[in-house]
Amino acid sequence: MNREQIDKILMKYSDKSSLTKEEEFELIESLEYMIAHKELAYKGEYTSFCEWLGGIYYDKKMFELALKYYELAEMCGSRWAWVGLGYIWYYGRTGNRDYEKAFNYFNKMATYGGDEVDRANKIEARFKIADMYKNGYFVEKDYEKYKEIVEQLYEESKCGDKDYMYFRAEIYMRIAKIREKQGNIDEALNLYWIARDDLKNRLYTNRFFGTLNMINWVVNDIYRLMDFDVTEMDLYDLYYLLKNEHLVTFLYKNKEYEIESKLSDDGDMNIRFNDKWYRSIDDFFIKTDLNGESIEHEYNLLENWRIVR
């Protein structure tokens, strides 16, 4: 490989959010080559390559490699890596949770002076710090502090800035919980529905496991507060329905498909999609493709949802 070939590959995939396995392999190979040959990188590129590769490995749940490249990026002065490292230690992605490290990384970002370039990272770090006060992770549990941070983010988000809009689902899910606790159920439901739509739009282009986790939570939060209506059913309602045994059908390009949830002998809910079985609903969403696209990408083409039993 040479620099010219690398540039063509990186340019081709820099703005592409969904990659085939072959494209992903080519991109990873190119980034690893550039990181291994640091002398070929222009000023500031090496750090960006480490950040990029760390993010790819995080999405692929290859967390040891994500940690390696996030730490390389941080050593080179990356502020974006602080958030990635915060998530790794907050969730114990490599096998050990370290809430002190997580808090310190999130706090570095949240309190960094910075400018508009850092705004999205600062927003993300702030709501994770709020969560740590809510749960008492490393810091003393303080619901009022949690609420203060979330309320402030919610007010700021009303400006419509693109960085706040990107994280609107995270902010709205948290403020909805606060409104629910305050007894404002209608407002909470409205916030949950907006968050659900935002997450659905994210999944259209990027099948990230973290986004699937969030849409699972928000769907089940909605149906804690209101009755399920089969006439309004869509793909993500499967997160609610398939917790129990059901058989559901839908049409995709005039062909009928079946989804069945079945309790296994070991107590897990396995999912059948036509003739293929998945070990869980998350496994189904992560792995199911239609016509060469993720099922999330084909969301708007899924019609005539029906609960058979």
C-alpha atoms as a PDB file:
ATOM      1  CA  MET A   1       0.000   0.000   0.000  1.00  0.00           C
ATOM      2  CA  ASN A   2       1.117   3.572  -0.577  1.00  0.00           C
ATOM      3  CA  ARG A   3      -0.130   6.970   0.571  1.00  0.00           C
ATOM      4  CA  GLU A   4      -2.074   7.610  -2.623  1.00  0.00           C
ATOM      5  CA  GLN A   5      -3.976   4.300  -2.333  1.00  0.00           C
ATOM      6  CA  ILE A   6      -4.685   4.951   1.344  1.00  0.00           C
ATOM      7  CA  ASP A   7      -6.044   8.428   0.603  1.00  0.00           C
ATOM      8  CA  LYS A   8      -8.447   7.042  -1.996  1.00  0.00           C
ATOM      9  CA  ILE A   9      -9.779   4.434   0.441  1.00  0.00           C
ATOM     10  CA  LEU A  10     -10.161   6.874   3.326  1.00  0.00           C
ATOM     11  CA  MET A  11     -11.859   9.435   1.093  1.00  0.00           C
ATOM     12  CA  LYS A  12     -14.254   6.780  -0.205  1.00  0.00           C
ATOM     13  CA  TYR A  13     -15.400   5.767   3.274  1.00  0.00           C
ATOM     14  CA  SER A  14     -15.054   9.006   5.274  1.00  0.00           C
ATOM     15  CA  ASP A  15     -18.715   9.997   4.866  1.00  0.00           C
ATOM     16  CA  LYS A  16     -20.216   6.526   4.552  1.00  0.00           C
ATOM     17  CA  SER A  17     -22.052   5.380   7.688  1.00  0.00           C
ATOM     18  CA  SER A  18     -22.934   1.856   6.547  1.00  0.00           C
ATOM     19  CA  LEU A  19     -20.224  -0.447   5.170  1.00  0.00           C
ATOM     20  CA  THR A  20     -20.239  -3.953   3.746  1.00  0.00           C
ATOM     21  CA  LYS A  21     -17.901  -6.471   5.399  1.00  0.00           C
ATOM     22  CA  GLU A  22     -15.470  -6.080   2.505  1.00  0.00           C
ATOM     23  CA  GLU A  23     -15.526  -2.285   2.762  1.00  0.00           C
ATOM     24  CA  GLU A  24     -15.065  -2.421   6.520  1.00  0.00           C
ATOM     25  CA  PHE A  25     -12.080  -4.773   6.130  1.00  0.00           C
ATOM     26  CA  GLU A  26     -10.488  -2.443   3.565  1.00  0.00           C
ATOM     27  CA  LEU A  27     -11.006   0.595   5.816  1.00  0.00           C
ATOM     28  CA  ILE A  28      -9.617  -1.126   8.930  1.00  0.00           C
ATOM     29  CA  GLU A  29      -6.609  -2.409   6.989  1.00  0.00           C
ATOM     30  CA  SER A  30      -5.897   1.105   5.706  1.00  0.00           C
ATOM     31  CA  LEU A  31      -6.195   2.736   9.125  1.00  0.00           C
ATOM     32  CA  GLU A  32      -4.023   0.094  10.777  1.00  0.00           C
ATOM     33  CA  TYR A  33      -1.406   0.590   8.049  1.00  0.00           C
ATOM     34  CA  MET A  34      -1.345   4.348   8.586  1.00  0.00           C
ATOM     35  CA  ILE A  35      -1.092   3.957  12.361  1.00  0.00           C
ATOM     36  CA  ALA A  36       1.751   1.443  11.955  1.00  0.00           C
ATOM     37  CA  HIS A  37       3.514   3.861   9.576  1.00  0.00           C
ATOM     38  CA  LYS A  38       3.180   7.049  11.588  1.00  0.00           C
ATOM     39  CA  GLU A  39       5.827   8.764   9.477  1.00  0.00           C
ATOM     40  CA  LEU A  40       3.395   8.792   6.515  1.00  0.00           C
ATOM     41  CA  ALA A  41       0.733  10.732   8.391  1.00  0.00           C
ATOM     42  CA  TYR A  42       0.361  14.474   7.979  1.00  0.00           C
ATOM     43  CA  LYS A  43       0.094  16.727  11.028  1.00  0.00           C
ATOM     44  CA  GLY A  44      -2.878  15.743  13.212  1.00  0.00           C
ATOM     45  CA  GLU A  45      -3.823  12.759  11.041  1.00  0.00           C
ATOM     46  CA  TYR A  46      -2.340  10.083  13.293  1.00  0.00           C
ATOM     47  CA  THR A  47      -4.613  11.117  16.162  1.00  0.00           C
ATOM     48  CA  SER A  48      -7.676  11.113  13.885  1.00  0.00           C
ATOM     49  CA  PHE A  49      -6.793   7.663  12.559  1.00  0.00           C
ATOM     50  CA  CYS A  50      -6.545   6.300  16.124  1.00  0.00           C
ATOM     51  CA  GLU A  51      -9.908   7.864  17.042  1.00  0.00           C
ATOM     52  CA  TRP A  52     -11.551   6.496  13.899  1.00  0.00           C
ATOM     53  CA  LEU A  53     -10.229   2.970  14.378  1.00  0.00           C
ATOM     54  CA  GLY A  54     -11.097   2.965  18.081  1.00  0.00           C
ATOM     55  CA  GLY A  55     -14.682   3.907  17.197  1.00  0.00           C
ATOM     56  CA  ILE A  56     -14.930   1.158  14.576  1.00  0.00           C
ATOM     57  CA  TYR A  57     -13.718  -1.466  17.041  1.00  0.00           C
ATOM     58  CA  TYR A  58     -16.097  -0.163  19.733  1.00  0.00           C
ATOM     59  CA  ASP A  59     -19.042  -0.546  17.327  1.00  0.00           C
ATOM     60  CA  LYS A  60     -17.867  -4.084  16.548  1.00  0.00           C
ATOM     61  CA  LYS A  61     -17.684  -4.843  20.308  1.00  0.00           C
ATOM     62  CA  MET A  62     -13.958  -5.529  20.016  1.00  0.00           C
ATOM     63  CA  PHE A  63     -13.360  -3.526  23.147  1.00  0.00           C
ATOM     64  CA  GLU A  64      -9.731  -4.429  23.891  1.00  0.00           C
ATOM     65  CA  LEU A  65      -8.775  -3.013  20.496  1.00  0.00           C
ATOM     66  CA  ALA A  66     -11.058  -0.002  21.016  1.00  0.00           C
ATOM     67  CA  LEU A  67      -9.276   0.690  24.311  1.00  0.00           C
ATOM     68  CA  LYS A  68      -5.863   0.372  22.641  1.00  0.00           C
ATOM     69  CA  TYR A  69      -6.626   2.947  19.957  1.00  0.00           C
ATOM     70  CA  TYR A  70      -8.531   5.315  22.249  1.00  0.00           C
ATOM     71  CA  GLU A  71      -5.518   5.358  24.574  1.00  0.00           C
ATOM     72  CA  LEU A  72      -3.170   5.971  21.628  1.00  0.00           C
ATOM     73  CA  ALA A  73      -5.395   8.856  20.548  1.00  0.00           C
ATOM     74  CA  GLU A  74      -5.437  10.324  24.061  1.00  0.00           C
ATOM     75  CA  MET A  75      -1.640  10.136  24.234  1.00  0.00           C
ATOM     76  CA  CYS A  76      -1.590  12.285  21.094  1.00  0.00           C
ATOM     77  CA  GLY A  77      -3.872  14.910  22.628  1.00  0.00           C
ATOM     78  CA  SER A  78      -7.314  13.715  21.526  1.00  0.00           C
ATOM     79  CA  ARG A  79     -10.182  15.117  23.556  1.00  0.00           C
ATOM     80  CA  TRP A  80     -12.734  12.959  21.712  1.00  0.00           C
ATOM     81  CA  ALA A  81     -10.986   9.880  23.154  1.00  0.00           C
ATOM     82  CA  TRP A  82     -11.930  10.994  26.684  1.00  0.00           C
ATOM     83  CA  VAL A  83     -15.568  10.166  25.979  1.00  0.00           C
ATOM     84  CA  GLY A  84     -14.740   6.800  24.399  1.00  0.00           C
ATOM     85  CA  LEU A  85     -12.547   5.866  27.350  1.00  0.00           C
ATOM     86  CA  GLY A  86     -15.262   7.022  29.739  1.00  0.00           C
ATOM     87  CA  TYR A  87     -17.728   4.591  28.143  1.00  0.00           C
ATOM     88  CA  ILE A  88     -15.261   1.703  28.240  1.00  0.00           C
ATOM     89  CA  TRP A  89     -14.679   2.099  31.983  1.00  0.00           C
ATOM     90  CA  TYR A  90     -18.296   3.032  32.832  1.00  0.00           C
ATOM     91  CA  TYR A  91     -19.668  -0.163  31.297  1.00  0.00           C
ATOM     92  CA  GLY A  92     -16.641  -2.347  32.031  1.00  0.00           C
ATOM     93  CA  ARG A  93     -16.300  -3.166  28.343  1.00  0.00           C
ATOM     94  CA  THR A  94     -12.964  -4.935  28.788  1.00  0.00           C
ATOM     95  CA  GLY A  95     -14.126  -6.928  31.824  1.00  0.00           C
ATOM     96  CA  ASN A  96     -13.604  -4.468  34.676  1.00  0.00           C
ATOM     97  CA  ARG A  97     -15.699  -1.450  35.582  1.00  0.00           C
ATOM     98  CA  ASP A  98     -13.815   1.515  36.956  1.00  0.00           C
ATOM     99  CA  TYR A  99     -16.245   4.304  37.799  1.00  0.00           C
ATOM    100  CA  GLU A 100     -13.464   6.582  39.040  1.00  0.00           C
ATOM    101  CA  LYS A 101     -11.716   6.436  35.668  1.00  0.00           C
ATOM    102  CA  ALA A 102     -15.044   6.851  33.880  1.00  0.00           C
ATOM    103  CA  PHE A 103     -15.985   9.917  35.925  1.00  0.00           C
ATOM    104  CA  ASN A 104     -12.574  11.499  35.461  1.00  0.00           C
ATOM    105  CA  TYR A 105     -12.666  11.035  31.683  1.00  0.00           C
ATOM    106  CA  PHE A 106     -16.219  12.349  31.355  1.00  0.00           C
ATOM    107  CA  ASN A 107     -15.428  15.246  33.677  1.00  0.00           C
ATOM    108  CA  LYS A 108     -12.327  16.175  31.672  1.00  0.00           C
ATOM    109  CA  MET A 109     -14.517  16.603  28.628  1.00  0.00           C
ATOM    110  CA  ALA A 110     -17.450  18.250  30.399  1.00  0.00           C
ATOM    111  CA  THR A 111     -15.261  20.892  32.043  1.00  0.00           C
ATOM    112  CA  TYR A 112     -12.869  21.475  29.139  1.00  0.00           C
ATOM    113  CA  GLY A 113     -12.911  25.111  27.959  1.00  0.00           C
ATOM    114  CA  GLY A 114     -12.933  24.236  24.280  1.00  0.00           C
ATOM    115  CA  ASP A 115     -15.076  25.741  21.554  1.00  0.00           C
ATOM    116  CA  GLU A 116     -17.872  24.642  19.237  1.00  0.00           C
ATOM    117  CA  VAL A 117     -15.745  21.751  17.962  1.00  0.00           C
ATOM    118  CA  ASP A 118     -16.064  20.088  21.376  1.00  0.00           C
ATOM    119  CA  ARG A 119     -19.759  20.818  21.981  1.00  0.00           C
ATOM    120  CA  ALA A 120     -21.139  17.387  21.024  1.00  0.00           C
ATOM    121  CA  ASN A 121     -18.548  15.618  23.187  1.00  0.00           C
ATOM    122  CA  LYS A 122     -19.293  17.951  26.098  1.00  0.00           C
ATOM    123  CA  ILE A 123     -23.039  17.249  25.833  1.00  0.00           C
ATOM    124  CA  GLU A 124     -22.420  13.506  25.860  1.00  0.00           C
ATOM    125  CA  ALA A 125     -20.028  13.742  28.809  1.00  0.00           C
ATOM    126  CA  ARG A 126     -22.513  15.864  30.778  1.00  0.00           C
ATOM    127  CA  PHE A 127     -25.418  13.435  30.585  1.00  0.00           C
ATOM    128  CA  LYS A 128     -23.120  10.548  31.544  1.00  0.00           C
ATOM    129  CA  ILE A 129     -21.927  12.518  34.579  1.00  0.00           C
ATOM    130  CA  ALA A 130     -25.595  13.111  35.415  1.00  0.00           C
ATOM    131  CA  ASP A 131     -26.150   9.348  35.298  1.00  0.00           C
ATOM    132  CA  MET A 132     -23.275   8.829  37.709  1.00  0.00           C
ATOM    133  CA  TYR A 133     -24.887  11.209  40.214  1.00  0.00           C
ATOM    134  CA  LYS A 134     -28.224   9.456  39.750  1.00  0.00           C
ATOM    135  CA  ASN A 135     -26.740   6.015  40.401  1.00  0.00           C
ATOM    136  CA  GLY A 136     -24.058   6.946  42.914  1.00  0.00           C
ATOM    137  CA  TYR A 137     -21.218   5.680  40.723  1.00  0.00           C
ATOM    138  CA  PHE A 138     -17.920   6.934  42.235  1.00  0.00           C
ATOM    139  CA  VAL A 139     -19.716  10.105  43.395  1.00  0.00           C
ATOM    140  CA  GLU A 140     -22.322  10.236  46.157  1.00  0.00           C
ATOM    141  CA  LYS A 141     -25.830   9.523  44.876  1.00  0.00           C
ATOM    142  CA  ASP A 142     -27.564  12.862  44.293  1.00  0.00           C
ATOM    143  CA  TYR A 143     -30.866  12.864  42.388  1.00  0.00           C
ATOM    144  CA  GLU A 144     -31.182  16.651  42.603  1.00  0.00           C
ATOM    145  CA  LYS A 145     -27.772  17.078  40.960  1.00  0.00           C
ATOM    146  CA  TYR A 146     -28.808  14.592  38.257  1.00  0.00           C
ATOM    147  CA  LYS A 147     -32.026  16.499  37.658  1.00  0.00           C
ATOM    148  CA  GLU A 148     -30.231  19.865  37.564  1.00  0.00           C
ATOM    149  CA  ILE A 149     -27.840  18.684  34.813  1.00  0.00           C
ATOM    150  CA  VAL A 150     -30.591  17.053  32.736  1.00  0.00           C
ATOM    151  CA  GLU A 151     -32.941  20.041  33.057  1.00  0.00           C
ATOM    152  CA  GLN A 152     -30.131  22.336  31.935  1.00  0.00           C
ATOM    153  CA  LEU A 153     -29.375  20.135  28.912  1.00  0.00           C
ATOM    154  CA  TYR A 154     -33.086  20.035  28.073  1.00  0.00           C
ATOM    155  CA  GLU A 155     -33.365  23.841  28.133  1.00  0.00           C
ATOM    156  CA  GLU A 156     -30.222  24.200  26.039  1.00  0.00           C
ATOM    157  CA  SER A 157     -31.503  21.648  23.509  1.00  0.00           C
ATOM    158  CA  LYS A 158     -34.457  23.903  22.647  1.00  0.00           C
ATOM    159  CA  CYS A 159     -32.096  26.078  20.609  1.00  0.00           C
ATOM    160  CA  GLY A 160     -32.202  23.441  17.846  1.00  0.00           C
ATOM    161  CA  ASP A 161     -28.407  23.316  17.464  1.00  0.00           C
ATOM    162  CA  LYS A 162     -27.316  20.237  15.472  1.00  0.00           C
ATOM    163  CA  ASP A 163     -25.166  18.861  18.309  1.00  0.00           C
ATOM    164  CA  TYR A 164     -28.076  19.034  20.745  1.00  0.00           C
ATOM    165  CA  MET A 165     -30.399  17.594  18.101  1.00  0.00           C
ATOM    166  CA  TYR A 166     -28.102  14.612  17.631  1.00  0.00           C
ATOM    167  CA  PHE A 167     -28.273  13.823  21.361  1.00  0.00           C
ATOM    168  CA  ARG A 168     -31.920  14.823  21.731  1.00  0.00           C
ATOM    169  CA  ALA A 169     -32.972  11.199  22.297  1.00  0.00           C
ATOM    170  CA  GLU A 170     -30.579  10.796  25.234  1.00  0.00           C
ATOM    171  CA  ILE A 171     -31.690  14.103  26.750  1.00  0.00           C
ATOM    172  CA  TYR A 172     -35.410  13.488  26.167  1.00  0.00           C
ATOM    173  CA  MET A 173     -35.349   9.957  27.585  1.00  0.00           C
ATOM    174  CA  ARG A 174     -33.851  11.311  30.783  1.00  0.00           C
ATOM    175  CA  ILE A 175     -36.152  14.324  31.063  1.00  0.00           C
ATOM    176  CA  ALA A 176     -39.145  12.058  30.337  1.00  0.00           C
ATOM    177  CA  LYS A 177     -38.234   9.921  33.350  1.00  0.00           C
ATOM    178  CA  ILE A 178     -38.065  13.072  35.461  1.00  0.00           C
ATOM    179  CA  ARG A 179     -41.469  14.255  34.171  1.00  0.00           C
ATOM    180  CA  GLU A 180     -42.917  10.806  34.803  1.00  0.00           C
ATOM    181  CA  LYS A 181     -41.680  10.919  38.394  1.00  0.00           C
ATOM    182  CA  GLN A 182     -43.283  14.363  38.710  1.00  0.00           C
ATOM    183  CA  GLY A 183     -46.611  12.898  37.522  1.00  0.00           C
ATOM    184  CA  ASN A 184     -46.584  14.644  34.109  1.00  0.00           C
ATOM    185  CA  ILE A 185     -47.435  11.497  32.147  1.00  0.00           C
ATOM    186  CA  ASP A 186     -48.633  13.166  28.934  1.00  0.00           C
ATOM    187  CA  GLU A 187     -45.456  15.235  28.680  1.00  0.00           C
ATOM    188  CA  ALA A 188     -43.339  12.176  29.453  1.00  0.00           C
ATOM    189  CA  LEU A 189     -45.049  10.172  26.706  1.00  0.00           C
ATOM    190  CA  ASN A 190     -44.539  12.940  24.161  1.00  0.00           C
ATOM    191  CA  LEU A 191     -40.836  13.091  25.026  1.00  0.00           C
ATOM    192  CA  TYR A 192     -40.487   9.303  24.774  1.00  0.00           C
ATOM    193  CA  TRP A 193     -42.128   9.291  21.321  1.00  0.00           C
ATOM    194  CA  ILE A 194     -39.800  12.033  20.044  1.00  0.00           C
ATOM    195  CA  ALA A 195     -36.794  10.103  21.368  1.00  0.00           C
ATOM    196  CA  ARG A 196     -38.071   6.941  19.684  1.00  0.00           C
ATOM    197  CA  ASP A 197     -38.354   8.702  16.313  1.00  0.00           C
ATOM    198  CA  ASP A 198     -34.843  10.131  16.649  1.00  0.00           C
ATOM    199  CA  LEU A 199     -33.394   6.703  17.443  1.00  0.00           C
ATOM    200  CA  LYS A 200     -35.294   5.126  14.540  1.00  0.00           C
ATOM    201  CA  ASN A 201     -33.719   7.690  12.210  1.00  0.00           C
ATOM    202  CA  ARG A 202     -30.247   6.940  13.560  1.00  0.00           C
ATOM    203  CA  LEU A 203     -30.719   3.224  13.007  1.00  0.00           C
ATOM    204  CA  TYR A 204     -31.689   3.850   9.391  1.00  0.00           C
ATOM    205  CA  THR A 205     -28.037   4.545   8.604  1.00  0.00           C
ATOM    206  CA  ASN A 206     -26.094   3.042  11.509  1.00  0.00           C
ATOM    207  CA  ARG A 207     -26.965  -0.272  13.168  1.00  0.00           C
ATOM    208  CA  PHE A 208     -25.169   0.502  16.442  1.00  0.00           C
ATOM    209  CA  PHE A 209     -25.870  -1.817  19.369  1.00  0.00           C
ATOM    210  CA  GLY A 210     -26.063   1.116  21.786  1.00  0.00           C
ATOM    211  CA  THR A 211     -28.862   2.722  19.763  1.00  0.00           C
ATOM    212  CA  LEU A 212     -30.749  -0.586  19.693  1.00  0.00           C
ATOM    213  CA  ASN A 213     -30.438  -0.779  23.483  1.00  0.00           C
ATOM    214  CA  MET A 214     -31.920   2.699  23.811  1.00  0.00           C
ATOM    215  CA  ILE A 215     -34.849   2.076  21.474  1.00  0.00           C
ATOM    216  CA  ASN A 216     -35.594  -1.109  23.429  1.00  0.00           C
ATOM    217  CA  TRP A 217     -35.745   0.926  26.642  1.00  0.00           C
ATOM    218  CA  VAL A 218     -37.869   3.717  25.191  1.00  0.00           C
ATOM    219  CA  VAL A 219     -40.382   1.331  23.560  1.00  0.00           C
ATOM    220  CA  ASN A 220     -40.945  -0.438  26.863  1.00  0.00           C
ATOM    221  CA  ASP A 221     -41.140   2.885  28.719  1.00  0.00           C
ATOM    222  CA  ILE A 222     -43.897   3.984  26.327  1.00  0.00           C
ATOM    223  CA  TYR A 223     -45.964   0.856  26.921  1.00  0.00           C
ATOM    224  CA  ARG A 224     -45.622   1.189  30.666  1.00  0.00           C
ATOM    225  CA  LEU A 225     -47.591   4.424  30.289  1.00  0.00           C
ATOM    226  CA  MET A 226     -50.078   3.570  27.536  1.00  0.00           C
ATOM    227  CA  ASP A 227     -51.829   0.562  25.998  1.00  0.00           C
ATOM    228  CA  PHE A 228     -50.296  -1.145  22.986  1.00  0.00           C
ATOM    229  CA  ASP A 229     -52.191  -0.468  19.741  1.00  0.00           C
ATOM    230  CA  VAL A 230     -51.620  -3.083  17.030  1.00  0.00           C
ATOM    231  CA  THR A 231     -52.993  -0.728  14.351  1.00  0.00           C
ATOM    232  CA  GLU A 232     -50.005   1.587  14.963  1.00  0.00           C
ATOM    233  CA  MET A 233     -47.446  -1.215  15.203  1.00  0.00           C
ATOM    234  CA  ASP A 234     -43.989  -0.948  13.643  1.00  0.00           C
ATOM    235  CA  LEU A 235     -40.683  -2.820  13.641  1.00  0.00           C
ATOM    236  CA  TYR A 236     -39.459  -1.577  17.014  1.00  0.00           C
ATOM    237  CA  ASP A 237     -42.608  -2.674  18.827  1.00  0.00           C
ATOM    238  CA  LEU A 238     -41.087  -6.141  18.564  1.00  0.00           C
ATOM    239  CA  TYR A 239     -38.975  -5.157  21.560  1.00  0.00           C
ATOM    240  CA  TYR A 240     -42.216  -5.035  23.551  1.00  0.00           C
ATOM    241  CA  LEU A 241     -44.121  -7.913  21.967  1.00  0.00           C
ATOM    242  CA  LEU A 242     -41.388 -10.507  21.747  1.00  0.00           C
ATOM    243  CA  LYS A 243     -40.674 -10.478  25.466  1.00  0.00           C
ATOM    244  CA  ASN A 244     -43.504 -13.038  25.458  1.00  0.00           C
ATOM    245  CA  GLU A 245     -44.324 -15.806  22.997  1.00  0.00           C
ATOM    246  CA  HIS A 246     -45.909 -14.380  19.852  1.00  0.00           C
ATOM    247  CA  LEU A 247     -46.121 -14.984  16.121  1.00  0.00           C
ATOM    248  CA  VAL A 248     -46.048 -11.779  14.064  1.00  0.00           C
ATOM    249  CA  THR A 249     -46.158 -11.242  10.294  1.00  0.00           C
ATOM    250  CA  PHE A 250     -45.425  -8.308   7.998  1.00  0.00           C
ATOM    251  CA  LEU A 251     -45.099  -7.597   4.280  1.00  0.00           C
ATOM    252  CA  TYR A 252     -41.890  -6.499   2.609  1.00  0.00           C
ATOM    253  CA  LYS A 253     -42.064  -5.828  -1.127  1.00  0.00           C
ATOM    254  CA  ASN A 254     -45.298  -7.863  -1.299  1.00  0.00           C
ATOM    255  CA  LYS A 255     -43.735 -10.896   0.375  1.00  0.00           C
ATOM    256  CA  GLU A 256     -44.908 -12.060   3.802  1.00  0.00           C
ATOM    257  CA  TYR A 257     -42.378 -12.667   6.573  1.00  0.00           C
ATOM    258  CA  GLU A 258     -42.859 -14.347   9.953  1.00  0.00           C
ATOM    259  CA  ILE A 259     -41.270 -13.504  13.284  1.00  0.00           C
ATOM    260  CA  GLU A 260     -41.863 -15.855  16.198  1.00  0.00           C
ATOM    261  CA  SER A 261     -40.655 -15.674  19.787  1.00  0.00           C
ATOM    262  CA  LYS A 262     -40.326 -19.000  21.588  1.00  0.00           C
ATOM    263  CA  LEU A 263     -39.279 -19.712  25.169  1.00  0.00           C
ATOM    264  CA  SER A 264     -36.395 -22.186  25.196  1.00  0.00           C
ATOM    265  CA  ASP A 265     -35.833 -24.916  27.783  1.00  0.00           C
ATOM    266  CA  ASP A 266     -33.134 -22.798  29.449  1.00  0.00           C
ATOM    267  CA  GLY A 267     -35.534 -19.867  29.871  1.00  0.00           C
ATOM    268  CA  ASP A 268     -34.271 -17.648  27.052  1.00  0.00           C
ATOM    269  CA  MET A 269     -36.603 -16.120  24.465  1.00  0.00           C
ATOM    270  CA  ASN A 270     -35.365 -17.309  21.057  1.00  0.00           C
ATOM    271  CA  ILE A 271     -36.488 -15.580  17.864  1.00  0.00           C
ATOM    272  CA  ARG A 272     -37.374 -17.196  14.549  1.00  0.00           C
ATOM    273  CA  PHE A 273     -37.354 -15.073  11.393  1.00  0.00           C
ATOM    274  CA  ASN A 274     -38.874 -17.240   8.663  1.00  0.00           C
ATOM    275  CA  ASP A 275     -36.611 -20.323   8.773  1.00  0.00           C
ATOM    276  CA  LYS A 276     -33.701 -18.816  10.710  1.00  0.00           C
ATOM    277  CA  TRP A 277     -33.369 -18.786  14.514  1.00  0.00           C
ATOM    278  CA  TYR A 278     -31.678 -16.140  16.670  1.00  0.00           C
ATOM    279  CA  ARG A 279     -30.756 -16.487  20.305  1.00  0.00           C
ATOM    280  CA  SER A 280     -32.390 -13.173  21.333  1.00  0.00           C
ATOM    281  CA  ILE A 281     -34.273 -10.142  20.018  1.00  0.00           C
ATOM    282  CA  ASP A 282     -31.009  -8.143  20.056  1.00  0.00           C
ATOM    283  CA  ASP A 283     -29.329 -10.862  18.016  1.00  0.00           C
ATOM    284  CA  PHE A 284     -32.210 -10.676  15.522  1.00  0.00           C
ATOM    285  CA  PHE A 285     -31.891  -6.914  15.083  1.00  0.00           C
ATOM    286  CA  ILE A 286     -28.093  -6.948  14.786  1.00  0.00           C
ATOM    287  CA  LYS A 287     -27.945  -9.733  12.196  1.00  0.00           C
ATOM    288  CA  THR A 288     -31.104  -9.554  10.069  1.00  0.00           C
ATOM    289  CA  ASP A 289     -30.757  -8.230   6.536  1.00  0.00           C
ATOM    290  CA  LEU A 290     -33.377  -7.718   3.834  1.00  0.00           C
ATOM    291  CA  ASN A 291     -32.363  -7.374   0.206  1.00  0.00           C
ATOM    292  CA  GLY A 292     -28.757  -6.724   1.228  1.00  0.00           C
ATOM    293  CA  GLU A 293     -29.689  -3.954   3.696  1.00  0.00           C
ATOM    294  CA  SER A 294     -30.153  -4.007   7.457  1.00  0.00           C
ATOM    295  CA  ILE A 295     -33.767  -4.533   8.532  1.00  0.00           C
ATOM    296  CA  GLU A 296     -33.515  -1.151  10.293  1.00  0.00           C
ATOM    297  CA  HIS A 297     -32.630   0.516   6.987  1.00  0.00           C
ATOM    298  CA  GLU A 298     -35.697  -1.031   5.339  1.00  0.00           C
ATOM    299  CA  TYR A 299     -37.981   0.154   8.172  1.00  0.00           C
ATOM    300  CA  ASN A 300     -40.242   2.292   5.964  1.00  0.00           C
ATOM    301  CA  LEU A 301     -40.907  -0.601   3.555  1.00  0.00           C
ATOM    302  CA  LEU A 302     -42.259  -2.975   6.224  1.00  0.00           C
ATOM    303  CA  GLU A 303     -46.077  -3.022   6.052  1.00  0.00           C
ATOM    304  CA  ASN A 304     -49.233  -4.759   7.224  1.00  0.00           C
ATOM    305  CA  TRP A 305     -48.015  -5.793  10.632  1.00  0.00           C
ATOM    306  CA  ARG A 306     -50.217  -8.478  12.154  1.00  0.00           C
ATOM    307  CA  ILE A 307     -50.153 -10.412  15.409  1.00  0.00           C
ATOM    308  CA  VAL A 308     -51.167 -13.984  14.553  1.00  0.00           C
ATOM    309  CA  ARG A 309     -50.976 -15.203  18.127  1.00  0.00           C
END
